[in-house]
Amino acid sequence: MTLLHIDSSILGEASASRQIGADLVAALADTNPDLGIVYRDLAAAPPAHMDGSVLQAVRGDIAGLNDAQRAERVYNDTLVEEFLAAGIVVMGAPMYNFSVPTQLKAWLDRLAVPGKTFRYTETGPIGLAGGKTVYVVSSRGGKLAGSAAEAAMDHQEAYLKTMLGFFGITDVRIVRAEGLAMGEDARDAGLHAAASDIVKLIGRKAA
C-alpha cells in the first residue's frame, strides 16, 4: 500500500502540523513495514492557482493546448495519479485565518477533475476516489473544537471533510492540536492531545 504525505505549512521546522504529521507517518510505517511513502511539500513547491489557462489545461482537450498548458496538464495528472494511487493520505492542514493554507486549497482544486475524482450524474455528483483513509493533521492557534463558535468559524476541518466527501472519501480521521498560540502550557497540551489522537487511531505512538 502507498501512503501519500502532504505538508502545507509555511513555518518550516517551527510548524506543529509538520511535526505531528511526521510522527503520524512514522507510527503508520511502524505498523506496516511494507508501506510505500510518497511525500509532497506544497509550501516548498506550491501548485499554481487555478485561472482560465490552468483550468483549460486541466480539463480541456489536450490537442488544443499550448506548450505551457501541456506542461501544466502533465503536472496535474501527476498530482491526481498520486492521490488516486494512495490507500492512505496524511494531510498536514494548519488553520490560517479560519481556513486552510492557500497552497493546500490550490492542490485540492487541482484534484477536482471530472472523470477522475468525481463525476456528475442526473441525480448529482458521485465521488470516484473512495476506498482510502485520510488523516487530517489539524493545527490551530486558538481553540474551536466543541465550542459554540466552531460551526461559524471553522472553514478548515469542515471544508476538508466536504471536499474529501465530494471525492467519495468517507473515512476521514482528525489528529488535532489546538491552542498552540495561547501560551506554553496550552501549546504543550495541544501537542499532547495530538499525540494521544495518534495512539487512539493507530494503536501506538511513533518509535
N, C-alpha and C. Protein backbone atom coordinates (compact mmCIF):
# COMPACT_ATOMS: atom_id res chain seq x y z
N MET A 1 0.85 -1.20 0.00
CA MET A 1 0.00 0.00 0.00
C MET A 1 0.88 1.24 0.00
N THR A 2 0.37 2.31 -0.63
CA THR A 2 1.10 3.57 -0.69
C THR A 2 0.45 4.61 0.22
N LEU A 3 1.28 5.34 0.93
CA LEU A 3 0.85 6.47 1.76
C LEU A 3 1.32 7.75 1.10
N LEU A 4 0.41 8.67 0.88
CA LEU A 4 0.75 10.00 0.35
C LEU A 4 0.77 10.98 1.52
N HIS A 5 1.93 11.58 1.76
CA HIS A 5 2.11 12.51 2.87
C HIS A 5 2.20 13.93 2.30
N ILE A 6 1.26 14.77 2.69
CA ILE A 6 1.18 16.15 2.21
C ILE A 6 1.47 17.10 3.35
N ASP A 7 2.40 18.03 3.14
CA ASP A 7 2.62 19.14 4.07
C ASP A 7 2.24 20.43 3.37
N SER A 8 1.67 21.39 4.14
CA SER A 8 1.29 22.66 3.54
C SER A 8 1.66 23.87 4.40
N SER A 9 2.18 23.64 5.59
CA SER A 9 2.54 24.75 6.47
C SER A 9 3.71 25.55 5.90
N ILE A 10 3.66 26.87 6.08
CA ILE A 10 4.73 27.76 5.62
C ILE A 10 5.78 28.00 6.70
N LEU A 11 5.66 27.33 7.85
CA LEU A 11 6.50 27.63 9.01
C LEU A 11 7.75 26.76 9.13
N GLY A 12 7.97 25.87 8.20
CA GLY A 12 9.17 25.05 8.23
C GLY A 12 9.29 24.24 9.50
N GLU A 13 10.49 24.25 10.12
CA GLU A 13 10.73 23.44 11.30
C GLU A 13 9.93 23.90 12.51
N ALA A 14 9.38 25.12 12.46
CA ALA A 14 8.57 25.62 13.57
C ALA A 14 7.12 25.15 13.48
N SER A 15 6.79 24.41 12.44
CA SER A 15 5.41 24.01 12.19
C SER A 15 4.98 22.83 13.05
N ALA A 16 3.87 23.00 13.76
CA ALA A 16 3.31 21.89 14.54
C ALA A 16 2.73 20.82 13.63
N SER A 17 2.05 21.22 12.56
CA SER A 17 1.42 20.23 11.69
C SER A 17 2.47 19.36 11.00
N ARG A 18 3.62 19.93 10.68
CA ARG A 18 4.70 19.14 10.08
C ARG A 18 5.24 18.12 11.10
N GLN A 19 5.45 18.59 12.33
CA GLN A 19 5.96 17.70 13.37
C GLN A 19 4.98 16.56 13.65
N ILE A 20 3.70 16.90 13.81
CA ILE A 20 2.68 15.89 14.11
C ILE A 20 2.50 14.94 12.92
N GLY A 21 2.48 15.50 11.72
CA GLY A 21 2.33 14.67 10.53
C GLY A 21 3.46 13.66 10.39
N ALA A 22 4.69 14.10 10.67
CA ALA A 22 5.84 13.19 10.59
C ALA A 22 5.71 12.07 11.63
N ASP A 23 5.25 12.43 12.84
CA ASP A 23 5.04 11.42 13.88
C ASP A 23 3.96 10.42 13.47
N LEU A 24 2.90 10.93 12.86
CA LEU A 24 1.81 10.06 12.42
C LEU A 24 2.28 9.11 11.32
N VAL A 25 3.02 9.62 10.36
CA VAL A 25 3.54 8.77 9.28
C VAL A 25 4.47 7.71 9.85
N ALA A 26 5.31 8.10 10.82
CA ALA A 26 6.21 7.12 11.44
C ALA A 26 5.43 6.02 12.15
N ALA A 27 4.35 6.40 12.85
CA ALA A 27 3.53 5.40 13.54
C ALA A 27 2.86 4.46 12.55
N LEU A 28 2.36 5.01 11.44
CA LEU A 28 1.73 4.17 10.42
C LEU A 28 2.75 3.24 9.77
N ALA A 29 3.97 3.74 9.54
CA ALA A 29 5.01 2.92 8.94
C ALA A 29 5.43 1.80 9.89
N ASP A 30 5.43 2.10 11.20
CA ASP A 30 5.78 1.08 12.18
C ASP A 30 4.81 -0.10 12.15
N THR A 31 3.54 0.20 11.88
CA THR A 31 2.52 -0.86 11.86
C THR A 31 2.48 -1.59 10.52
N ASN A 32 3.12 -1.02 9.50
CA ASN A 32 3.11 -1.64 8.18
C ASN A 32 4.47 -1.42 7.51
N PRO A 33 5.43 -2.29 7.75
CA PRO A 33 6.78 -2.10 7.21
C PRO A 33 6.84 -2.06 5.68
N ASP A 34 5.83 -2.59 5.01
CA ASP A 34 5.82 -2.62 3.55
C ASP A 34 5.17 -1.37 2.95
N LEU A 35 4.81 -0.43 3.80
CA LEU A 35 4.14 0.79 3.33
C LEU A 35 5.10 1.64 2.50
N GLY A 36 4.68 1.97 1.28
CA GLY A 36 5.45 2.88 0.45
C GLY A 36 4.99 4.31 0.71
N ILE A 37 5.94 5.23 0.87
CA ILE A 37 5.60 6.60 1.23
C ILE A 37 6.01 7.56 0.11
N VAL A 38 5.03 8.37 -0.32
CA VAL A 38 5.27 9.44 -1.30
C VAL A 38 5.05 10.76 -0.57
N TYR A 39 6.01 11.66 -0.66
CA TYR A 39 5.94 12.93 0.07
C TYR A 39 5.86 14.10 -0.89
N ARG A 40 4.97 15.06 -0.56
CA ARG A 40 4.86 16.28 -1.36
C ARG A 40 4.72 17.47 -0.42
N ASP A 41 5.61 18.43 -0.57
CA ASP A 41 5.63 19.65 0.24
C ASP A 41 5.04 20.79 -0.58
N LEU A 42 3.81 21.15 -0.28
CA LEU A 42 3.10 22.15 -1.08
C LEU A 42 3.58 23.57 -0.79
N ALA A 43 4.25 23.77 0.33
CA ALA A 43 4.81 25.09 0.62
C ALA A 43 6.12 25.29 -0.13
N ALA A 44 6.92 24.24 -0.23
CA ALA A 44 8.20 24.33 -0.94
C ALA A 44 7.99 24.42 -2.45
N ALA A 45 6.98 23.74 -2.96
CA ALA A 45 6.68 23.75 -4.40
C ALA A 45 5.17 23.87 -4.58
N PRO A 46 4.63 25.08 -4.39
CA PRO A 46 3.17 25.25 -4.45
C PRO A 46 2.62 25.13 -5.87
N PRO A 47 1.48 24.45 -6.01
CA PRO A 47 0.82 24.41 -7.33
C PRO A 47 0.33 25.81 -7.70
N ALA A 48 0.37 26.13 -8.98
CA ALA A 48 -0.20 27.40 -9.43
C ALA A 48 -1.70 27.40 -9.16
N HIS A 49 -2.21 28.54 -8.74
CA HIS A 49 -3.64 28.65 -8.50
C HIS A 49 -4.41 28.57 -9.81
N MET A 50 -5.64 28.15 -9.69
CA MET A 50 -6.48 27.96 -10.86
C MET A 50 -6.84 29.29 -11.50
N ASP A 51 -6.53 29.43 -12.78
CA ASP A 51 -7.03 30.53 -13.59
C ASP A 51 -7.57 29.93 -14.88
N GLY A 52 -7.97 30.77 -15.81
CA GLY A 52 -8.59 30.25 -17.02
C GLY A 52 -7.68 29.34 -17.81
N SER A 53 -6.39 29.71 -17.90
CA SER A 53 -5.44 28.92 -18.67
C SER A 53 -5.18 27.57 -18.01
N VAL A 54 -5.04 27.58 -16.68
CA VAL A 54 -4.80 26.33 -15.97
C VAL A 54 -6.04 25.44 -16.03
N LEU A 55 -7.21 26.04 -15.88
CA LEU A 55 -8.44 25.25 -15.95
C LEU A 55 -8.56 24.55 -17.30
N GLN A 56 -8.25 25.28 -18.37
CA GLN A 56 -8.30 24.66 -19.70
C GLN A 56 -7.28 23.54 -19.81
N ALA A 57 -6.09 23.74 -19.22
CA ALA A 57 -5.05 22.72 -19.27
C ALA A 57 -5.48 21.46 -18.53
N VAL A 58 -6.14 21.65 -17.37
CA VAL A 58 -6.52 20.53 -16.52
C VAL A 58 -7.70 19.76 -17.09
N ARG A 59 -8.66 20.48 -17.66
CA ARG A 59 -9.92 19.84 -18.05
C ARG A 59 -10.19 19.84 -19.55
N GLY A 60 -9.39 20.56 -20.34
CA GLY A 60 -9.66 20.68 -21.76
C GLY A 60 -9.08 19.54 -22.58
N ASP A 61 -9.35 19.59 -23.88
CA ASP A 61 -8.80 18.62 -24.83
C ASP A 61 -7.31 18.92 -25.00
N ILE A 62 -6.47 17.93 -24.73
CA ILE A 62 -5.03 18.15 -24.76
C ILE A 62 -4.54 18.59 -26.14
N ALA A 63 -5.28 18.22 -27.18
CA ALA A 63 -4.86 18.59 -28.54
C ALA A 63 -4.89 20.09 -28.75
N GLY A 64 -5.69 20.81 -28.00
CA GLY A 64 -5.81 22.25 -28.19
C GLY A 64 -4.95 23.07 -27.25
N LEU A 65 -4.05 22.45 -26.50
CA LEU A 65 -3.25 23.16 -25.51
C LEU A 65 -1.93 23.65 -26.08
N ASN A 66 -1.46 24.79 -25.54
CA ASN A 66 -0.13 25.26 -25.92
C ASN A 66 0.92 24.56 -25.07
N ASP A 67 2.20 24.85 -25.30
CA ASP A 67 3.27 24.13 -24.61
C ASP A 67 3.20 24.31 -23.10
N ALA A 68 2.93 25.54 -22.65
CA ALA A 68 2.85 25.80 -21.21
C ALA A 68 1.69 25.04 -20.59
N GLN A 69 0.57 24.99 -21.31
CA GLN A 69 -0.58 24.28 -20.80
C GLN A 69 -0.36 22.77 -20.78
N ARG A 70 0.37 22.27 -21.77
CA ARG A 70 0.67 20.84 -21.79
C ARG A 70 1.53 20.46 -20.57
N ALA A 71 2.46 21.34 -20.22
CA ALA A 71 3.28 21.08 -19.03
C ALA A 71 2.42 21.08 -17.77
N GLU A 72 1.45 22.01 -17.71
CA GLU A 72 0.53 22.04 -16.58
C GLU A 72 -0.30 20.77 -16.53
N ARG A 73 -0.70 20.28 -17.68
CA ARG A 73 -1.51 19.05 -17.76
C ARG A 73 -0.72 17.86 -17.22
N VAL A 74 0.54 17.74 -17.62
CA VAL A 74 1.38 16.64 -17.16
C VAL A 74 1.55 16.72 -15.64
N TYR A 75 1.81 17.94 -15.14
CA TYR A 75 1.96 18.15 -13.70
C TYR A 75 0.67 17.80 -12.96
N ASN A 76 -0.45 18.26 -13.48
CA ASN A 76 -1.73 18.00 -12.82
C ASN A 76 -2.07 16.52 -12.82
N ASP A 77 -1.81 15.85 -13.94
CA ASP A 77 -2.05 14.41 -13.99
C ASP A 77 -1.22 13.67 -12.94
N THR A 78 0.00 14.15 -12.70
CA THR A 78 0.86 13.54 -11.68
C THR A 78 0.24 13.69 -10.30
N LEU A 79 -0.28 14.90 -9.99
CA LEU A 79 -0.92 15.12 -8.70
C LEU A 79 -2.13 14.20 -8.52
N VAL A 80 -2.96 14.11 -9.53
CA VAL A 80 -4.17 13.30 -9.44
C VAL A 80 -3.82 11.82 -9.31
N GLU A 81 -2.86 11.36 -10.10
CA GLU A 81 -2.48 9.94 -10.05
C GLU A 81 -1.87 9.58 -8.70
N GLU A 82 -1.07 10.48 -8.12
CA GLU A 82 -0.52 10.26 -6.78
C GLU A 82 -1.63 10.06 -5.77
N PHE A 83 -2.61 10.94 -5.84
CA PHE A 83 -3.73 10.92 -4.89
C PHE A 83 -4.56 9.65 -5.06
N LEU A 84 -4.89 9.30 -6.29
CA LEU A 84 -5.72 8.13 -6.54
C LEU A 84 -5.01 6.84 -6.17
N ALA A 85 -3.68 6.80 -6.33
CA ALA A 85 -2.93 5.58 -6.07
C ALA A 85 -2.74 5.31 -4.59
N ALA A 86 -2.91 6.33 -3.75
CA ALA A 86 -2.64 6.19 -2.33
C ALA A 86 -3.82 5.52 -1.61
N GLY A 87 -3.50 4.54 -0.78
CA GLY A 87 -4.52 3.94 0.07
C GLY A 87 -4.72 4.73 1.35
N ILE A 88 -3.67 5.47 1.73
CA ILE A 88 -3.68 6.32 2.92
C ILE A 88 -3.14 7.69 2.52
N VAL A 89 -3.78 8.74 3.01
CA VAL A 89 -3.27 10.09 2.82
C VAL A 89 -3.14 10.74 4.20
N VAL A 90 -1.97 11.30 4.47
CA VAL A 90 -1.75 12.11 5.67
C VAL A 90 -1.60 13.55 5.20
N MET A 91 -2.53 14.39 5.61
CA MET A 91 -2.62 15.75 5.09
C MET A 91 -2.35 16.76 6.21
N GLY A 92 -1.20 17.40 6.16
CA GLY A 92 -0.91 18.47 7.11
C GLY A 92 -1.70 19.70 6.75
N ALA A 93 -2.62 20.12 7.63
CA ALA A 93 -3.59 21.17 7.28
C ALA A 93 -3.75 22.15 8.44
N PRO A 94 -2.80 23.06 8.63
CA PRO A 94 -2.97 24.07 9.69
C PRO A 94 -4.09 25.04 9.34
N MET A 95 -4.67 25.64 10.37
CA MET A 95 -5.69 26.66 10.15
C MET A 95 -5.01 28.02 9.98
N TYR A 96 -5.27 28.67 8.86
CA TYR A 96 -4.80 30.03 8.61
C TYR A 96 -6.03 30.91 8.43
N ASN A 97 -6.23 31.84 9.34
CA ASN A 97 -7.36 32.77 9.23
C ASN A 97 -8.68 32.03 9.02
N PHE A 98 -8.88 30.99 9.83
CA PHE A 98 -10.11 30.18 9.88
C PHE A 98 -10.29 29.26 8.68
N SER A 99 -9.29 29.17 7.80
CA SER A 99 -9.38 28.29 6.64
C SER A 99 -8.08 27.51 6.51
N VAL A 100 -7.82 26.99 5.31
CA VAL A 100 -6.61 26.19 5.06
C VAL A 100 -5.59 27.04 4.33
N PRO A 101 -4.32 26.65 4.34
CA PRO A 101 -3.31 27.37 3.57
C PRO A 101 -3.68 27.45 2.09
N THR A 102 -3.35 28.55 1.48
CA THR A 102 -3.73 28.77 0.08
C THR A 102 -3.17 27.70 -0.84
N GLN A 103 -1.97 27.20 -0.54
CA GLN A 103 -1.36 26.18 -1.40
C GLN A 103 -2.07 24.83 -1.25
N LEU A 104 -2.64 24.57 -0.07
CA LEU A 104 -3.43 23.35 0.09
C LEU A 104 -4.73 23.45 -0.70
N LYS A 105 -5.34 24.63 -0.67
CA LYS A 105 -6.56 24.86 -1.48
C LYS A 105 -6.25 24.68 -2.96
N ALA A 106 -5.10 25.19 -3.41
CA ALA A 106 -4.72 25.04 -4.82
C ALA A 106 -4.55 23.57 -5.20
N TRP A 107 -3.96 22.79 -4.29
CA TRP A 107 -3.78 21.35 -4.55
C TRP A 107 -5.12 20.66 -4.67
N LEU A 108 -6.04 20.96 -3.77
CA LEU A 108 -7.36 20.34 -3.82
C LEU A 108 -8.11 20.75 -5.09
N ASP A 109 -7.97 22.01 -5.49
CA ASP A 109 -8.58 22.45 -6.76
C ASP A 109 -8.04 21.64 -7.92
N ARG A 110 -6.74 21.32 -7.87
CA ARG A 110 -6.12 20.54 -8.94
C ARG A 110 -6.64 19.11 -8.98
N LEU A 111 -7.03 18.59 -7.81
CA LEU A 111 -7.52 17.21 -7.76
C LEU A 111 -8.94 17.08 -8.28
N ALA A 112 -9.68 18.18 -8.31
CA ALA A 112 -11.10 18.14 -8.70
C ALA A 112 -11.23 18.08 -10.22
N VAL A 113 -11.00 16.90 -10.77
CA VAL A 113 -11.04 16.69 -12.22
C VAL A 113 -12.20 15.75 -12.54
N PRO A 114 -13.19 16.21 -13.31
CA PRO A 114 -14.31 15.33 -13.67
C PRO A 114 -13.81 14.06 -14.38
N GLY A 115 -14.39 12.94 -14.01
CA GLY A 115 -13.98 11.67 -14.61
C GLY A 115 -12.81 11.03 -13.90
N LYS A 116 -12.15 11.78 -13.01
CA LYS A 116 -11.01 11.25 -12.25
C LYS A 116 -11.37 11.08 -10.78
N THR A 117 -11.74 12.19 -10.13
CA THR A 117 -12.07 12.13 -8.70
C THR A 117 -13.56 12.28 -8.44
N PHE A 118 -14.32 12.69 -9.45
CA PHE A 118 -15.78 12.79 -9.32
C PHE A 118 -16.40 12.81 -10.70
N ARG A 119 -17.71 12.60 -10.74
CA ARG A 119 -18.45 12.79 -11.98
C ARG A 119 -19.86 13.25 -11.62
N TYR A 120 -20.46 13.99 -12.51
CA TYR A 120 -21.83 14.44 -12.32
C TYR A 120 -22.79 13.47 -12.98
N THR A 121 -23.94 13.25 -12.33
CA THR A 121 -24.99 12.41 -12.88
C THR A 121 -26.30 13.20 -12.84
N GLU A 122 -27.36 12.60 -13.33
CA GLU A 122 -28.66 13.26 -13.31
C GLU A 122 -29.15 13.50 -11.89
N THR A 123 -28.62 12.73 -10.95
CA THR A 123 -29.06 12.88 -9.55
C THR A 123 -28.03 13.60 -8.69
N GLY A 124 -26.96 14.09 -9.31
CA GLY A 124 -25.95 14.82 -8.55
C GLY A 124 -24.57 14.21 -8.71
N PRO A 125 -23.57 14.79 -8.02
CA PRO A 125 -22.20 14.31 -8.15
C PRO A 125 -21.97 12.99 -7.44
N ILE A 126 -21.04 12.21 -7.98
CA ILE A 126 -20.61 10.95 -7.38
C ILE A 126 -19.10 10.99 -7.27
N GLY A 127 -18.57 10.73 -6.07
CA GLY A 127 -17.12 10.69 -5.87
C GLY A 127 -16.53 9.41 -6.43
N LEU A 128 -15.33 9.52 -7.00
CA LEU A 128 -14.67 8.38 -7.64
C LEU A 128 -13.39 7.97 -6.92
N ALA A 129 -13.06 8.63 -5.81
CA ALA A 129 -11.78 8.39 -5.14
C ALA A 129 -11.94 7.73 -3.78
N GLY A 130 -13.05 7.02 -3.59
CA GLY A 130 -13.30 6.37 -2.30
C GLY A 130 -12.38 5.20 -2.04
N GLY A 131 -12.54 4.61 -0.86
CA GLY A 131 -11.77 3.42 -0.52
C GLY A 131 -10.43 3.71 0.13
N LYS A 132 -10.14 4.97 0.43
CA LYS A 132 -8.89 5.31 1.08
C LYS A 132 -9.18 5.96 2.43
N THR A 133 -8.18 5.98 3.28
CA THR A 133 -8.27 6.63 4.58
C THR A 133 -7.46 7.91 4.54
N VAL A 134 -8.06 9.01 4.97
CA VAL A 134 -7.35 10.29 5.01
C VAL A 134 -7.25 10.74 6.46
N TYR A 135 -6.03 10.98 6.90
CA TYR A 135 -5.77 11.57 8.21
C TYR A 135 -5.50 13.06 8.02
N VAL A 136 -6.33 13.89 8.60
CA VAL A 136 -6.14 15.34 8.55
C VAL A 136 -5.41 15.76 9.82
N VAL A 137 -4.20 16.28 9.66
CA VAL A 137 -3.43 16.79 10.78
C VAL A 137 -3.78 18.27 10.92
N SER A 138 -4.63 18.55 11.89
CA SER A 138 -5.21 19.88 12.07
C SER A 138 -4.51 20.59 13.22
N SER A 139 -3.92 21.75 12.93
CA SER A 139 -3.29 22.55 13.98
C SER A 139 -3.91 23.94 13.97
N ARG A 140 -4.10 24.50 15.18
CA ARG A 140 -4.79 25.78 15.31
C ARG A 140 -4.16 26.59 16.44
N GLY A 141 -4.04 27.89 16.23
CA GLY A 141 -3.53 28.75 17.27
C GLY A 141 -4.50 28.89 18.43
N GLY A 142 -5.80 28.94 18.11
CA GLY A 142 -6.83 29.06 19.14
C GLY A 142 -7.54 27.75 19.37
N LYS A 143 -8.66 27.82 20.06
CA LYS A 143 -9.45 26.62 20.36
C LYS A 143 -10.87 26.80 19.83
N LEU A 144 -11.29 25.85 19.00
CA LEU A 144 -12.63 25.90 18.42
C LEU A 144 -13.44 24.63 18.67
N ALA A 145 -12.78 23.49 18.71
CA ALA A 145 -13.49 22.21 18.75
C ALA A 145 -14.46 22.15 19.92
N GLY A 146 -15.72 21.87 19.58
CA GLY A 146 -16.74 21.73 20.60
C GLY A 146 -17.33 23.02 21.11
N SER A 147 -16.87 24.15 20.59
CA SER A 147 -17.37 25.44 21.06
C SER A 147 -18.56 25.89 20.23
N ALA A 148 -19.28 26.88 20.74
CA ALA A 148 -20.43 27.42 20.01
C ALA A 148 -19.98 28.12 18.73
N ALA A 149 -18.73 28.61 18.70
CA ALA A 149 -18.24 29.34 17.54
C ALA A 149 -17.76 28.43 16.42
N GLU A 150 -17.61 27.13 16.71
CA GLU A 150 -16.99 26.23 15.74
C GLU A 150 -17.72 26.21 14.40
N ALA A 151 -19.02 26.08 14.41
CA ALA A 151 -19.78 25.97 13.16
C ALA A 151 -19.63 27.21 12.30
N ALA A 152 -19.51 28.37 12.94
CA ALA A 152 -19.41 29.62 12.18
C ALA A 152 -17.99 29.92 11.74
N MET A 153 -16.98 29.48 12.50
CA MET A 153 -15.61 29.92 12.26
C MET A 153 -14.69 28.86 11.69
N ASP A 154 -15.11 27.60 11.70
CA ASP A 154 -14.25 26.53 11.19
C ASP A 154 -14.48 26.32 9.70
N HIS A 155 -13.60 26.90 8.89
CA HIS A 155 -13.61 26.66 7.45
C HIS A 155 -12.36 25.89 7.05
N GLN A 156 -11.86 25.13 8.00
CA GLN A 156 -10.66 24.31 7.82
C GLN A 156 -11.08 22.84 7.79
N GLU A 157 -11.33 22.25 8.96
CA GLU A 157 -11.72 20.84 9.00
C GLU A 157 -13.04 20.61 8.27
N ALA A 158 -13.99 21.51 8.45
CA ALA A 158 -15.29 21.33 7.79
C ALA A 158 -15.14 21.36 6.27
N TYR A 159 -14.33 22.28 5.78
CA TYR A 159 -14.09 22.38 4.33
C TYR A 159 -13.42 21.11 3.81
N LEU A 160 -12.41 20.63 4.52
CA LEU A 160 -11.70 19.44 4.06
C LEU A 160 -12.61 18.22 4.04
N LYS A 161 -13.44 18.06 5.05
CA LYS A 161 -14.38 16.95 5.05
C LYS A 161 -15.35 17.04 3.87
N THR A 162 -15.78 18.27 3.55
CA THR A 162 -16.69 18.46 2.41
C THR A 162 -16.01 18.08 1.11
N MET A 163 -14.79 18.57 0.89
CA MET A 163 -14.07 18.26 -0.36
C MET A 163 -13.78 16.77 -0.48
N LEU A 164 -13.31 16.17 0.59
CA LEU A 164 -12.99 14.74 0.55
C LEU A 164 -14.26 13.92 0.34
N GLY A 165 -15.35 14.34 0.95
CA GLY A 165 -16.63 13.66 0.73
C GLY A 165 -17.08 13.78 -0.71
N PHE A 166 -16.84 14.95 -1.31
CA PHE A 166 -17.17 15.16 -2.72
C PHE A 166 -16.38 14.18 -3.60
N PHE A 167 -15.16 13.86 -3.18
CA PHE A 167 -14.35 12.90 -3.92
C PHE A 167 -14.73 11.45 -3.60
N GLY A 168 -15.69 11.26 -2.69
CA GLY A 168 -16.14 9.91 -2.36
C GLY A 168 -15.43 9.30 -1.17
N ILE A 169 -14.68 10.10 -0.42
CA ILE A 169 -13.91 9.59 0.71
C ILE A 169 -14.69 9.81 1.99
N THR A 170 -15.02 8.74 2.65
CA THR A 170 -15.82 8.83 3.88
C THR A 170 -15.01 8.52 5.13
N ASP A 171 -13.85 7.91 4.98
CA ASP A 171 -13.00 7.56 6.13
C ASP A 171 -11.99 8.69 6.36
N VAL A 172 -12.44 9.73 7.05
CA VAL A 172 -11.59 10.90 7.34
C VAL A 172 -11.38 10.96 8.85
N ARG A 173 -10.13 10.96 9.28
CA ARG A 173 -9.79 10.90 10.69
C ARG A 173 -8.97 12.14 11.05
N ILE A 174 -9.34 12.79 12.15
CA ILE A 174 -8.71 14.04 12.54
C ILE A 174 -7.70 13.82 13.66
N VAL A 175 -6.49 14.32 13.46
CA VAL A 175 -5.48 14.42 14.51
C VAL A 175 -5.31 15.91 14.77
N ARG A 176 -5.71 16.37 15.95
CA ARG A 176 -5.86 17.82 16.17
C ARG A 176 -5.01 18.33 17.32
N ALA A 177 -4.34 19.46 17.07
CA ALA A 177 -3.63 20.21 18.12
C ALA A 177 -4.18 21.63 18.13
N GLU A 178 -4.81 22.02 19.22
CA GLU A 178 -5.39 23.35 19.35
C GLU A 178 -4.68 24.16 20.43
N GLY A 179 -4.95 25.47 20.42
CA GLY A 179 -4.42 26.34 21.46
C GLY A 179 -2.93 26.59 21.38
N LEU A 180 -2.36 26.41 20.19
CA LEU A 180 -0.91 26.46 20.04
C LEU A 180 -0.34 27.87 20.21
N ALA A 181 -1.18 28.89 20.08
CA ALA A 181 -0.72 30.28 20.24
C ALA A 181 -1.21 30.90 21.54
N MET A 182 -1.66 30.07 22.47
CA MET A 182 -2.29 30.58 23.70
C MET A 182 -1.40 30.41 24.93
N GLY A 183 -0.11 30.34 24.70
CA GLY A 183 0.83 30.18 25.80
C GLY A 183 1.47 28.82 25.82
N GLU A 184 2.58 28.71 26.56
CA GLU A 184 3.37 27.48 26.56
C GLU A 184 2.58 26.28 27.07
N ASP A 185 1.84 26.48 28.15
CA ASP A 185 1.08 25.36 28.70
C ASP A 185 0.01 24.87 27.72
N ALA A 186 -0.69 25.81 27.09
CA ALA A 186 -1.73 25.45 26.13
C ALA A 186 -1.12 24.74 24.92
N ARG A 187 0.05 25.22 24.47
CA ARG A 187 0.71 24.59 23.33
C ARG A 187 1.10 23.15 23.69
N ASP A 188 1.69 22.98 24.86
CA ASP A 188 2.07 21.62 25.29
C ASP A 188 0.85 20.71 25.36
N ALA A 189 -0.26 21.24 25.87
CA ALA A 189 -1.49 20.45 25.96
C ALA A 189 -2.01 20.09 24.58
N GLY A 190 -1.93 21.03 23.64
CA GLY A 190 -2.38 20.77 22.28
C GLY A 190 -1.56 19.71 21.59
N LEU A 191 -0.24 19.77 21.75
CA LEU A 191 0.63 18.76 21.15
C LEU A 191 0.42 17.39 21.80
N HIS A 192 0.19 17.38 23.10
CA HIS A 192 -0.10 16.13 23.80
C HIS A 192 -1.41 15.52 23.31
N ALA A 193 -2.42 16.38 23.07
CA ALA A 193 -3.71 15.88 22.57
C ALA A 193 -3.54 15.24 21.20
N ALA A 194 -2.72 15.86 20.34
CA ALA A 194 -2.49 15.29 19.01
C ALA A 194 -1.78 13.95 19.12
N ALA A 195 -0.78 13.86 20.02
CA ALA A 195 -0.08 12.59 20.22
C ALA A 195 -1.05 11.52 20.72
N SER A 196 -1.98 11.91 21.58
CA SER A 196 -2.98 10.96 22.07
C SER A 196 -3.91 10.52 20.95
N ASP A 197 -4.26 11.45 20.05
CA ASP A 197 -5.08 11.09 18.89
C ASP A 197 -4.39 10.01 18.05
N ILE A 198 -3.08 10.15 17.87
CA ILE A 198 -2.34 9.17 17.07
C ILE A 198 -2.41 7.80 17.72
N VAL A 199 -2.21 7.76 19.02
CA VAL A 199 -2.27 6.48 19.74
C VAL A 199 -3.66 5.86 19.61
N LYS A 200 -4.71 6.68 19.75
CA LYS A 200 -6.08 6.17 19.65
C LYS A 200 -6.37 5.63 18.25
N LEU A 201 -5.87 6.32 17.23
CA LEU A 201 -6.19 5.94 15.85
C LEU A 201 -5.32 4.80 15.34
N ILE A 202 -4.04 4.79 15.74
CA ILE A 202 -3.11 3.82 15.19
C ILE A 202 -2.86 2.68 16.16
N GLY A 203 -3.06 2.95 17.45
CA GLY A 203 -2.80 1.93 18.45
C GLY A 203 -1.41 2.00 19.03
N ARG A 204 -0.61 2.96 18.55
CA ARG A 204 0.74 3.13 19.08
C ARG A 204 1.25 4.49 18.70
N LYS A 205 2.28 4.96 19.42
CA LYS A 205 2.93 6.21 19.05
C LYS A 205 4.15 5.92 18.19
N ALA A 206 4.71 6.99 17.63
CA ALA A 206 5.89 6.80 16.79
C ALA A 206 7.06 6.30 17.63
N ALA A 207 7.90 5.47 17.03
CA ALA A 207 9.07 4.93 17.74
C ALA A 207 10.08 6.05 18.00
